Amino acid sequence: AARQQQGLAPLPFGVALHLGDILWGNIGAADRLDFT
């Protein structure tokens, strides 16, 4: 609503929900890691 008052387009989005197990850990190169 605020964006439209400024003449800007709205921001449509999608959301999904699921229940399950994830593996959360260090993955990457030997000297550059990320949590994934």
PDB file of all heavy atoms in Angstrom:
ATOM      1  N   ALA A   1       0.845  -1.206   0.000  1.00  0.00           N
ATOM      2  CA  ALA A   1       0.000   0.000   0.000  1.00  0.00           C
ATOM      3  C   ALA A   1       0.877   1.253   0.000  1.00  0.00           C
ATOM      4  O   ALA A   1       0.603   2.226  -0.724  1.00  0.00           O
ATOM      5  CB  ALA A   1      -0.922  -0.014   1.210  1.00  0.00           C
ATOM      6  N   ALA A   2       1.949   1.220   0.799  1.00  0.00           N
ATOM      7  CA  ALA A   2       2.860   2.370   0.840  1.00  0.00           C
ATOM      8  C   ALA A   2       3.581   2.544  -0.495  1.00  0.00           C
ATOM      9  O   ALA A   2       3.767   3.672  -0.971  1.00  0.00           O
ATOM     10  CB  ALA A   2       3.863   2.192   1.977  1.00  0.00           C
ATOM     11  N   ARG A   3       3.987   1.435  -1.111  1.00  0.00           N
ATOM     12  CA  ARG A   3       4.675   1.526  -2.405  1.00  0.00           C
ATOM     13  C   ARG A   3       3.749   2.084  -3.480  1.00  0.00           C
ATOM     14  O   ARG A   3       4.159   2.908  -4.305  1.00  0.00           O
ATOM     15  CB  ARG A   3       5.194   0.142  -2.823  1.00  0.00           C
ATOM     16  CG  ARG A   3       6.411  -0.316  -2.032  1.00  0.00           C
ATOM     17  CD  ARG A   3       6.839  -1.727  -2.441  1.00  0.00           C
ATOM     18  NE  ARG A   3       7.176  -1.821  -3.861  1.00  0.00           N
ATOM     19  CZ  ARG A   3       8.360  -1.520  -4.377  1.00  0.00           C
ATOM     20  NH1 ARG A   3       9.336  -1.112  -3.581  1.00  0.00           N
ATOM     21  NH2 ARG A   3       8.580  -1.641  -5.671  1.00  0.00           N
ATOM     22  N   GLN A   4       2.505   1.658  -3.477  1.00  0.00           N
ATOM     23  CA  GLN A   4       1.567   2.156  -4.480  1.00  0.00           C
ATOM     24  C   GLN A   4       1.326   3.653  -4.322  1.00  0.00           C
ATOM     25  O   GLN A   4       1.163   4.371  -5.317  1.00  0.00           O
ATOM     26  CB  GLN A   4       0.260   1.368  -4.393  1.00  0.00           C
ATOM     27  CG  GLN A   4       0.404  -0.058  -4.929  1.00  0.00           C
ATOM     28  CD  GLN A   4      -0.854  -0.891  -4.752  1.00  0.00           C
ATOM     29  OE1 GLN A   4      -1.614  -0.670  -3.820  1.00  0.00           O
ATOM     30  NE2 GLN A   4      -1.062  -1.853  -5.641  1.00  0.00           N
ATOM     31  N   GLN A   5       1.317   4.146  -3.078  1.00  0.00           N
ATOM     32  CA  GLN A   5       1.171   5.589  -2.871  1.00  0.00           C
ATOM     33  C   GLN A   5       2.360   6.358  -3.423  1.00  0.00           C
ATOM     34  O   GLN A   5       2.238   7.535  -3.780  1.00  0.00           O
ATOM     35  CB  GLN A   5       1.012   5.888  -1.376  1.00  0.00           C
ATOM     36  CG  GLN A   5      -0.331   5.455  -0.799  1.00  0.00           C
ATOM     37  CD  GLN A   5      -0.435   5.736   0.688  1.00  0.00           C
ATOM     38  OE1 GLN A   5       0.545   6.158   1.322  1.00  0.00           O
ATOM     39  NE2 GLN A   5      -1.610   5.516   1.258  1.00  0.00           N
ATOM     40  N   GLN A   6       3.514   5.690  -3.510  1.00  0.00           N
ATOM     41  CA  GLN A   6       4.713   6.314  -4.063  1.00  0.00           C
ATOM     42  C   GLN A   6       4.850   6.066  -5.568  1.00  0.00           C
ATOM     43  O   GLN A   6       5.865   6.424  -6.164  1.00  0.00           O
ATOM     44  CB  GLN A   6       5.952   5.771  -3.352  1.00  0.00           C
ATOM     45  CG  GLN A   6       5.977   6.027  -1.851  1.00  0.00           C
ATOM     46  CD  GLN A   6       7.044   5.216  -1.135  1.00  0.00           C
ATOM     47  OE1 GLN A   6       7.999   4.733  -1.754  1.00  0.00           O
ATOM     48  NE2 GLN A   6       6.896   5.053   0.160  1.00  0.00           N
ATOM     49  N   GLY A   7       3.847   5.429  -6.161  1.00  0.00           N
ATOM     50  CA  GLY A   7       3.899   5.124  -7.579  1.00  0.00           C
ATOM     51  C   GLY A   7       4.757   3.932  -7.918  1.00  0.00           C
ATOM     52  O   GLY A   7       5.172   3.771  -9.079  1.00  0.00           O
ATOM     53  N   LEU A   8       5.043   3.080  -6.927  1.00  0.00           N
ATOM     54  CA  LEU A   8       5.868   1.896  -7.141  1.00  0.00           C
ATOM     55  C   LEU A   8       5.004   0.650  -7.242  1.00  0.00           C
ATOM     56  O   LEU A   8       3.913   0.591  -6.666  1.00  0.00           O
ATOM     57  CB  LEU A   8       6.870   1.730  -5.998  1.00  0.00           C
ATOM     58  CG  LEU A   8       7.842   2.886  -5.774  1.00  0.00           C
ATOM     59  CD1 LEU A   8       8.658   2.661  -4.502  1.00  0.00           C
ATOM     60  CD2 LEU A   8       8.765   3.050  -6.977  1.00  0.00           C
ATOM     61  N   ALA A   9       5.507  -0.347  -7.942  1.00  0.00           N
ATOM     62  CA  ALA A   9       4.771  -1.591  -8.113  1.00  0.00           C
ATOM     63  C   ALA A   9       4.779  -2.390  -6.815  1.00  0.00           C
ATOM     64  O   ALA A   9       5.732  -2.317  -6.032  1.00  0.00           O
ATOM     65  CB  ALA A   9       5.397  -2.417  -9.228  1.00  0.00           C
ATOM     66  N   PRO A  10       3.721  -3.165  -6.556  1.00  0.00           N
ATOM     67  CA  PRO A  10       3.728  -4.053  -5.394  1.00  0.00           C
ATOM     68  C   PRO A  10       4.777  -5.142  -5.549  1.00  0.00           C
ATOM     69  O   PRO A  10       5.351  -5.331  -6.634  1.00  0.00           O
ATOM     70  CB  PRO A  10       2.311  -4.625  -5.367  1.00  0.00           C
ATOM     71  CG  PRO A  10       1.837  -4.520  -6.783  1.00  0.00           C
ATOM     72  CD  PRO A  10       2.481  -3.286  -7.345  1.00  0.00           C
ATOM     73  N   LEU A  11       5.011  -5.870  -4.467  1.00  0.00           N
ATOM     74  CA  LEU A  11       6.025  -6.930  -4.459  1.00  0.00           C
ATOM     75  C   LEU A  11       5.338  -8.266  -4.199  1.00  0.00           C
ATOM     76  O   LEU A  11       5.253  -8.729  -3.054  1.00  0.00           O
ATOM     77  CB  LEU A  11       7.072  -6.660  -3.378  1.00  0.00           C
ATOM     78  CG  LEU A  11       7.900  -5.380  -3.538  1.00  0.00           C
ATOM     79  CD1 LEU A  11       8.787  -5.160  -2.319  1.00  0.00           C
ATOM     80  CD2 LEU A  11       8.736  -5.422  -4.807  1.00  0.00           C
ATOM     81  N   PRO A  12       4.841  -8.929  -5.246  1.00  0.00           N
ATOM     82  CA  PRO A  12       4.212 -10.240  -5.043  1.00  0.00           C
ATOM     83  C   PRO A  12       5.250 -11.278  -4.651  1.00  0.00           C
ATOM     84  O   PRO A  12       6.429 -11.180  -5.010  1.00  0.00           O
ATOM     85  CB  PRO A  12       3.597 -10.550  -6.413  1.00  0.00           C
ATOM     86  CG  PRO A  12       4.417  -9.760  -7.374  1.00  0.00           C
ATOM     87  CD  PRO A  12       4.841  -8.520  -6.653  1.00  0.00           C
ATOM     88  N   PHE A  13       4.804 -12.271  -3.902  1.00  0.00           N
ATOM     89  CA  PHE A  13       5.738 -13.285  -3.416  1.00  0.00           C
ATOM     90  C   PHE A  13       5.008 -14.600  -3.229  1.00  0.00           C
ATOM     91  O   PHE A  13       3.774 -14.668  -3.248  1.00  0.00           O
ATOM     92  CB  PHE A  13       6.369 -12.846  -2.088  1.00  0.00           C
ATOM     93  CG  PHE A  13       5.391 -12.686  -0.961  1.00  0.00           C
ATOM     94  CD1 PHE A  13       5.170 -13.708  -0.049  1.00  0.00           C
ATOM     95  CD2 PHE A  13       4.683 -11.505  -0.814  1.00  0.00           C
ATOM     96  CE1 PHE A  13       4.261 -13.563   0.990  1.00  0.00           C
ATOM     97  CE2 PHE A  13       3.771 -11.344   0.224  1.00  0.00           C
ATOM     98  CZ  PHE A  13       3.554 -12.370   1.121  1.00  0.00           C
ATOM     99  N   GLY A  14       5.777 -15.660  -3.056  1.00  0.00           N
ATOM    100  CA  GLY A  14       5.236 -16.976  -2.742  1.00  0.00           C
ATOM    101  C   GLY A  14       5.941 -17.549  -1.533  1.00  0.00           C
ATOM    102  O   GLY A  14       7.124 -17.273  -1.307  1.00  0.00           O
ATOM    103  N   VAL A  15       5.202 -18.339  -0.742  1.00  0.00           N
ATOM    104  CA  VAL A  15       5.756 -18.972   0.455  1.00  0.00           C
ATOM    105  C   VAL A  15       5.303 -20.429   0.477  1.00  0.00           C
ATOM    106  O   VAL A  15       4.133 -20.722   0.214  1.00  0.00           O
ATOM    107  CB  VAL A  15       5.271 -18.279   1.743  1.00  0.00           C
ATOM    108  CG1 VAL A  15       5.896 -18.955   2.969  1.00  0.00           C
ATOM    109  CG2 VAL A  15       5.606 -16.811   1.737  1.00  0.00           C
ATOM    110  N   ALA A  16       6.218 -21.324   0.806  1.00  0.00           N
ATOM    111  CA  ALA A  16       5.881 -22.736   0.975  1.00  0.00           C
ATOM    112  C   ALA A  16       6.328 -23.206   2.347  1.00  0.00           C
ATOM    113  O   ALA A  16       7.366 -22.763   2.863  1.00  0.00           O
ATOM    114  CB  ALA A  16       6.538 -23.579  -0.106  1.00  0.00           C
ATOM    115  N   LEU A  17       5.538 -24.116   2.928  1.00  0.00           N
ATOM    116  CA  LEU A  17       5.859 -24.704   4.225  1.00  0.00           C
ATOM    117  C   LEU A  17       5.906 -26.215   4.096  1.00  0.00           C
ATOM    118  O   LEU A  17       5.074 -26.817   3.412  1.00  0.00           O
ATOM    119  CB  LEU A  17       4.803 -24.323   5.273  1.00  0.00           C
ATOM    120  CG  LEU A  17       4.618 -22.839   5.594  1.00  0.00           C
ATOM    121  CD1 LEU A  17       3.513 -22.666   6.631  1.00  0.00           C
ATOM    122  CD2 LEU A  17       5.917 -22.225   6.091  1.00  0.00           C
ATOM    123  N   HIS A  18       6.878 -26.832   4.769  1.00  0.00           N
ATOM    124  CA  HIS A  18       7.014 -28.282   4.766  1.00  0.00           C
ATOM    125  C   HIS A  18       7.583 -28.706   6.115  1.00  0.00           C
ATOM    126  O   HIS A  18       8.191 -27.897   6.839  1.00  0.00           O
ATOM    127  CB  HIS A  18       7.922 -28.733   3.616  1.00  0.00           C
ATOM    128  CG  HIS A  18       8.107 -30.211   3.524  1.00  0.00           C
ATOM    129  ND1 HIS A  18       7.064 -31.109   3.551  1.00  0.00           N
ATOM    130  CD2 HIS A  18       9.255 -30.969   3.430  1.00  0.00           C
ATOM    131  CE1 HIS A  18       7.530 -32.329   3.457  1.00  0.00           C
ATOM    132  NE2 HIS A  18       8.846 -32.279   3.390  1.00  0.00           N
ATOM    133  N   LEU A  19       7.396 -29.945   6.468  1.00  0.00           N
ATOM    134  CA  LEU A  19       7.919 -30.501   7.710  1.00  0.00           C
ATOM    135  C   LEU A  19       8.841 -31.659   7.375  1.00  0.00           C
ATOM    136  O   LEU A  19       8.459 -32.576   6.649  1.00  0.00           O
ATOM    137  CB  LEU A  19       6.767 -30.991   8.596  1.00  0.00           C
ATOM    138  CG  LEU A  19       7.149 -31.685   9.906  1.00  0.00           C
ATOM    139  CD1 LEU A  19       7.800 -30.692  10.874  1.00  0.00           C
ATOM    140  CD2 LEU A  19       5.912 -32.325  10.538  1.00  0.00           C
ATOM    141  N   GLY A  20      10.079 -31.620   7.892  1.00  0.00           N
ATOM    142  CA  GLY A  20      11.007 -32.708   7.593  1.00  0.00           C
ATOM    143  C   GLY A  20      12.362 -32.470   8.212  1.00  0.00           C
ATOM    144  O   GLY A  20      12.555 -31.560   9.030  1.00  0.00           O
ATOM    145  N   ASP A  21      13.312 -33.300   7.829  1.00  0.00           N
ATOM    146  CA  ASP A  21      14.673 -33.222   8.349  1.00  0.00           C
ATOM    147  C   ASP A  21      15.573 -32.510   7.355  1.00  0.00           C
ATOM    148  O   ASP A  21      15.476 -32.731   6.139  1.00  0.00           O
ATOM    149  CB  ASP A  21      15.245 -34.619   8.585  1.00  0.00           C
ATOM    150  CG  ASP A  21      14.542 -35.342   9.729  1.00  0.00           C
ATOM    151  OD1 ASP A  21      13.973 -34.644  10.601  1.00  0.00           O
ATOM    152  OD2 ASP A  21      14.558 -36.588   9.736  1.00  0.00           O
ATOM    153  N   ILE A  22      16.463 -31.662   7.872  1.00  0.00           N
ATOM    154  CA  ILE A  22      17.490 -31.056   7.031  1.00  0.00           C
ATOM    155  C   ILE A  22      18.849 -31.362   7.640  1.00  0.00           C
ATOM    156  O   ILE A  22      18.979 -31.557   8.852  1.00  0.00           O
ATOM    157  CB  ILE A  22      17.312 -29.532   6.890  1.00  0.00           C
ATOM    158  CG1 ILE A  22      17.566 -28.830   8.234  1.00  0.00           C
ATOM    159  CG2 ILE A  22      15.937 -29.186   6.347  1.00  0.00           C
ATOM    160  CD1 ILE A  22      17.709 -27.334   8.106  1.00  0.00           C
ATOM    161  N   LEU A  23      19.858 -31.404   6.792  1.00  0.00           N
ATOM    162  CA  LEU A  23      21.239 -31.491   7.250  1.00  0.00           C
ATOM    163  C   LEU A  23      21.825 -30.096   7.135  1.00  0.00           C
ATOM    164  O   LEU A  23      21.860 -29.513   6.042  1.00  0.00           O
ATOM    165  CB  LEU A  23      22.049 -32.478   6.415  1.00  0.00           C
ATOM    166  CG  LEU A  23      23.526 -32.573   6.797  1.00  0.00           C
ATOM    167  CD1 LEU A  23      23.693 -33.095   8.224  1.00  0.00           C
ATOM    168  CD2 LEU A  23      24.285 -33.461   5.820  1.00  0.00           C
ATOM    169  N   TRP A  24      22.253 -29.540   8.276  1.00  0.00           N
ATOM    170  CA  TRP A  24      22.777 -28.180   8.317  1.00  0.00           C
ATOM    171  C   TRP A  24      24.238 -28.259   8.741  1.00  0.00           C
ATOM    172  O   TRP A  24      24.555 -28.706   9.836  1.00  0.00           O
ATOM    173  CB  TRP A  24      21.973 -27.365   9.334  1.00  0.00           C
ATOM    174  CG  TRP A  24      22.395 -25.940   9.527  1.00  0.00           C
ATOM    175  CD1 TRP A  24      22.853 -25.378  10.679  1.00  0.00           C
ATOM    176  CD2 TRP A  24      22.377 -24.904   8.556  1.00  0.00           C
ATOM    177  NE1 TRP A  24      23.128 -24.045  10.482  1.00  0.00           N
ATOM    178  CE2 TRP A  24      22.845 -23.728   9.185  1.00  0.00           C
ATOM    179  CE3 TRP A  24      22.030 -24.847   7.204  1.00  0.00           C
ATOM    180  CZ2 TRP A  24      22.955 -22.513   8.522  1.00  0.00           C
ATOM    181  CZ3 TRP A  24      22.141 -23.641   6.533  1.00  0.00           C
ATOM    182  CH2 TRP A  24      22.595 -22.489   7.190  1.00  0.00           C
ATOM    183  N   GLY A  25      25.144 -27.889   7.828  1.00  0.00           N
ATOM    184  CA  GLY A  25      26.538 -28.045   8.188  1.00  0.00           C
ATOM    185  C   GLY A  25      27.486 -27.355   7.241  1.00  0.00           C
ATOM    186  O   GLY A  25      27.083 -26.634   6.317  1.00  0.00           O
ATOM    187  N   ASN A  26      28.781 -27.571   7.483  1.00  0.00           N
ATOM    188  CA  ASN A  26      29.856 -26.945   6.708  1.00  0.00           C
ATOM    189  C   ASN A  26      30.042 -27.658   5.376  1.00  0.00           C
ATOM    190  O   ASN A  26      30.314 -28.860   5.328  1.00  0.00           O
ATOM    191  CB  ASN A  26      31.170 -27.029   7.496  1.00  0.00           C
ATOM    192  CG  ASN A  26      31.256 -25.986   8.577  1.00  0.00           C
ATOM    193  OD1 ASN A  26      30.846 -24.853   8.379  1.00  0.00           O
ATOM    194  ND2 ASN A  26      31.784 -26.365   9.728  1.00  0.00           N
ATOM    195  N   ILE A  27      29.925 -26.883   4.322  1.00  0.00           N
ATOM    196  CA  ILE A  27      30.144 -27.412   2.976  1.00  0.00           C
ATOM    197  C   ILE A  27      30.937 -26.368   2.198  1.00  0.00           C
ATOM    198  O   ILE A  27      30.719 -25.164   2.373  1.00  0.00           O
ATOM    199  CB  ILE A  27      28.805 -27.701   2.260  1.00  0.00           C
ATOM    200  CG1 ILE A  27      28.049 -28.811   2.994  1.00  0.00           C
ATOM    201  CG2 ILE A  27      29.019 -28.086   0.799  1.00  0.00           C
ATOM    202  CD1 ILE A  27      26.673 -29.081   2.452  1.00  0.00           C
ATOM    203  N   GLY A  28      31.862 -26.804   1.343  1.00  0.00           N
ATOM    204  CA  GLY A  28      32.591 -25.854   0.531  1.00  0.00           C
ATOM    205  C   GLY A  28      33.966 -26.354   0.177  1.00  0.00           C
ATOM    206  O   GLY A  28      34.261 -27.553   0.228  1.00  0.00           O
ATOM    207  N   ALA A  29      34.846 -25.404  -0.179  1.00  0.00           N
ATOM    208  CA  ALA A  29      36.226 -25.734  -0.501  1.00  0.00           C
ATOM    209  C   ALA A  29      37.014 -25.915   0.790  1.00  0.00           C
ATOM    210  O   ALA A  29      36.545 -25.582   1.879  1.00  0.00           O
ATOM    211  CB  ALA A  29      36.843 -24.629  -1.363  1.00  0.00           C
ATOM    212  N   ALA A  30      38.217 -26.408   0.659  1.00  0.00           N
ATOM    213  CA  ALA A  30      39.018 -26.703   1.842  1.00  0.00           C
ATOM    214  C   ALA A  30      39.252 -25.465   2.690  1.00  0.00           C
ATOM    215  O   ALA A  30      39.307 -25.539   3.913  1.00  0.00           O
ATOM    216  CB  ALA A  30      40.343 -27.323   1.411  1.00  0.00           C
ATOM    217  N   ASP A  31      39.400 -24.295   2.041  1.00  0.00           N
ATOM    218  CA  ASP A  31      39.715 -23.077   2.788  1.00  0.00           C
ATOM    219  C   ASP A  31      38.620 -22.008   2.696  1.00  0.00           C
ATOM    220  O   ASP A  31      38.847 -20.855   3.046  1.00  0.00           O
ATOM    221  CB  ASP A  31      41.044 -22.490   2.302  1.00  0.00           C
ATOM    222  CG  ASP A  31      41.025 -22.162   0.821  1.00  0.00           C
ATOM    223  OD1 ASP A  31      40.042 -22.537   0.142  1.00  0.00           O
ATOM    224  OD2 ASP A  31      41.979 -21.539   0.336  1.00  0.00           O
ATOM    225  N   ARG A  32      37.448 -22.374   2.199  1.00  0.00           N
ATOM    226  CA  ARG A  32      36.339 -21.409   2.129  1.00  0.00           C
ATOM    227  C   ARG A  32      35.033 -22.166   2.326  1.00  0.00           C
ATOM    228  O   ARG A  32      34.564 -22.871   1.433  1.00  0.00           O
ATOM    229  CB  ARG A  32      36.319 -20.676   0.773  1.00  0.00           C
ATOM    230  CG  ARG A  32      35.106 -19.771   0.546  1.00  0.00           C
ATOM    231  CD  ARG A  32      35.016 -18.659   1.591  1.00  0.00           C
ATOM    232  NE  ARG A  32      33.920 -17.749   1.298  1.00  0.00           N
ATOM    233  CZ  ARG A  32      32.663 -17.903   1.784  1.00  0.00           C
ATOM    234  NH1 ARG A  32      32.384 -18.946   2.541  1.00  0.00           N
ATOM    235  NH2 ARG A  32      31.735 -17.041   1.476  1.00  0.00           N
ATOM    236  N   LEU A  33      34.470 -22.068   3.527  1.00  0.00           N
ATOM    237  CA  LEU A  33      33.306 -22.854   3.895  1.00  0.00           C
ATOM    238  C   LEU A  33      32.067 -21.984   3.995  1.00  0.00           C
ATOM    239  O   LEU A  33      32.135 -20.769   4.161  1.00  0.00           O
ATOM    240  CB  LEU A  33      33.545 -23.550   5.240  1.00  0.00           C
ATOM    241  CG  LEU A  33      34.736 -24.506   5.327  1.00  0.00           C
ATOM    242  CD1 LEU A  33      34.891 -25.024   6.749  1.00  0.00           C
ATOM    243  CD2 LEU A  33      34.573 -25.652   4.348  1.00  0.00           C
ATOM    244  N   ASP A  34      30.915 -22.632   3.912  1.00  0.00           N
ATOM    245  CA  ASP A  34      29.638 -21.960   4.131  1.00  0.00           C
ATOM    246  C   ASP A  34      28.728 -22.946   4.845  1.00  0.00           C
ATOM    247  O   ASP A  34      28.839 -24.162   4.661  1.00  0.00           O
ATOM    248  CB  ASP A  34      29.011 -21.542   2.797  1.00  0.00           C
ATOM    249  CG  ASP A  34      27.826 -20.613   2.978  1.00  0.00           C
ATOM    250  OD1 ASP A  34      27.649 -20.081   4.103  1.00  0.00           O
ATOM    251  OD2 ASP A  34      27.080 -20.414   2.006  1.00  0.00           O
ATOM    252  N   PHE A  35      27.834 -22.423   5.672  1.00  0.00           N
ATOM    253  CA  PHE A  35      26.811 -23.272   6.266  1.00  0.00           C
ATOM    254  C   PHE A  35      25.671 -23.394   5.268  1.00  0.00           C
ATOM    255  O   PHE A  35      25.134 -22.398   4.788  1.00  0.00           O
ATOM    256  CB  PHE A  35      26.313 -22.675   7.586  1.00  0.00           C
ATOM    257  CG  PHE A  35      27.217 -22.957   8.738  1.00  0.00           C
ATOM    258  CD1 PHE A  35      28.184 -22.054   9.111  1.00  0.00           C
ATOM    259  CD2 PHE A  35      27.110 -24.149   9.435  1.00  0.00           C
ATOM    260  CE1 PHE A  35      29.033 -22.318  10.176  1.00  0.00           C
ATOM    261  CE2 PHE A  35      27.951 -24.430  10.500  1.00  0.00           C
ATOM    262  CZ  PHE A  35      28.917 -23.508  10.873  1.00  0.00           C
ATOM    263  N   THR A  36      25.300 -24.618   4.968  1.00  0.00           N
ATOM    264  CA  THR A  36      24.319 -24.891   3.931  1.00  0.00           C
ATOM    265  C   THR A  36      23.326 -25.933   4.420  1.00  0.00           C
ATOM    266  O   THR A  36      23.695 -26.860   5.146  1.00  0.00           O
ATOM    267  CB  THR A  36      25.012 -25.408   2.647  1.00  0.00           C
ATOM    268  OG1 THR A  36      25.958 -24.438   2.206  1.00  0.00           O
ATOM    269  CG2 THR A  36      24.004 -25.654   1.541  1.00  0.00           C
TER     270      THR A  36
END
